[in-house]
Protein backbone atom coordinates (compact mmCIF):
# COMPACT_ATOMS: atom_id res chain seq x y z
CA UNK A 1 10.83 -4.80 -12.72
CA UNK A 2 9.02 -2.10 -10.77
CA UNK A 3 6.68 -3.33 -8.07
CA UNK A 4 4.44 -1.01 -6.12
CA UNK A 5 1.42 -1.01 -3.88
CA UNK A 6 -1.35 1.38 -4.85
CA UNK A 7 -3.08 2.43 -1.64
CA UNK A 8 -5.23 5.31 -2.83
CA UNK A 9 -2.88 7.84 -1.26
CA UNK A 10 -1.03 8.17 -4.57
CA UNK A 11 -0.34 11.88 -5.17
CA UNK A 12 0.81 13.95 -8.13
CA UNK A 13 4.32 13.96 -6.64
CA UNK A 14 4.22 10.16 -6.38
CA UNK A 15 3.23 9.97 -10.05
CA UNK A 16 6.07 12.33 -11.04
CA UNK A 17 8.55 10.14 -9.16
CA UNK A 18 7.12 7.04 -10.86
CA UNK A 19 7.41 8.64 -14.33
CA UNK A 20 11.01 9.65 -13.58
CA UNK A 21 11.85 6.01 -12.76
CA UNK A 22 10.24 4.91 -16.03
CA UNK A 23 12.22 7.54 -17.96
CA UNK A 24 15.49 6.23 -16.48
CA UNK A 25 14.58 2.72 -17.60
CA UNK A 26 13.62 3.92 -21.10
CA UNK A 27 16.82 5.99 -21.40
CA UNK A 28 18.85 2.86 -20.62
CA UNK A 29 17.30 1.19 -23.68
CA UNK A 30 15.15 -1.17 -21.65
CA UNK A 31 11.43 -1.52 -20.96
CA UNK A 32 9.83 -1.90 -17.54
CA UNK A 33 7.85 -4.81 -16.23
CA UNK A 34 5.31 -3.46 -13.73
CA UNK A 35 3.62 -5.25 -10.86
CA UNK A 36 0.76 -3.24 -9.35
CA UNK A 37 -0.85 -4.39 -6.13
CA UNK A 38 -4.17 -2.57 -5.76
CA UNK A 39 -4.69 -2.53 -2.01
CA UNK A 40 -7.17 0.25 -1.30
CA UNK A 41 -10.00 1.93 -3.16
CA UNK A 42 -8.97 5.36 -1.93
CA UNK A 43 -9.44 8.34 -4.17
CA UNK A 44 -6.88 9.93 -6.46
CA UNK A 45 -6.28 13.62 -6.52
CA UNK A 46 -6.70 15.40 -9.84
CA UNK A 47 -2.99 16.25 -9.92
CA UNK A 48 -2.18 12.53 -10.11
CA UNK A 49 -4.50 12.08 -13.08
CA UNK A 50 -3.15 15.23 -14.76
CA UNK A 51 0.48 14.07 -14.41
CA UNK A 52 -0.40 10.60 -15.73
CA UNK A 53 -2.19 12.00 -18.78
CA UNK A 54 0.67 14.43 -19.47
CA UNK A 55 3.12 11.52 -19.41
CA UNK A 56 1.16 8.81 -21.23
CA UNK A 57 3.71 8.78 -24.07
CA UNK A 58 6.55 8.12 -21.65
CA UNK A 59 4.55 5.47 -19.83
CA UNK A 60 3.58 3.63 -23.03
CA UNK A 61 7.10 3.89 -24.44
CA UNK A 62 8.69 2.65 -21.20
CA UNK A 63 6.49 -0.29 -20.23
CA UNK A 64 6.64 -3.76 -21.75
CA UNK A 65 4.10 -5.53 -19.50
CA UNK A 66 1.88 -4.72 -16.53
CA UNK A 67 0.54 -7.22 -13.99
CA UNK A 68 -2.35 -5.84 -11.93
CA UNK A 69 -3.41 -7.63 -8.76
CA UNK A 70 -6.52 -6.54 -6.89
CA UNK A 71 -9.96 -7.60 -5.84
CA UNK A 72 -12.72 -7.70 -8.45
CA UNK A 73 -14.32 -4.41 -7.37
CA UNK A 74 -11.01 -2.51 -7.56
CA UNK A 75 -10.34 -3.85 -11.02
CA UNK A 76 -13.83 -2.82 -12.19
CA UNK A 77 -13.15 0.73 -10.99
CA UNK A 78 -9.66 0.78 -12.50
CA UNK A 79 -10.83 -0.54 -15.86
CA UNK A 80 -13.65 2.01 -16.02
CA UNK A 81 -11.08 4.80 -15.58
CA UNK A 82 -8.26 3.66 -17.88
CA UNK A 83 -10.02 1.47 -20.42
CA UNK A 84 -10.40 4.27 -22.95
CA UNK A 85 -6.82 5.54 -22.39
CA UNK A 86 -4.85 2.29 -22.53
CA UNK A 87 -4.36 0.21 -25.65
CA UNK A 88 -5.48 -3.35 -25.01
CA UNK A 89 -3.52 -6.38 -26.12
CA UNK A 90 -5.21 -9.75 -25.99
């Protein structure tokens, strides 16, 4: 399980480090369980978004489940950003 706190100060380098951790998990034949704690509504830099989009295949291949914890407003913002990029499972 990977647990992290998203504070809005998440940079492109932070995203690269995160993707590297997911790759290690995937290369071991396992899938990650993610726990995201959305703490702050700070902004993301474009490098973070670019790195995430470039690595969507790795992220989708490496993650089994994601638990997102945050206040309602944060989740509305998050969903509006990733809704069209992330396959939904109900």
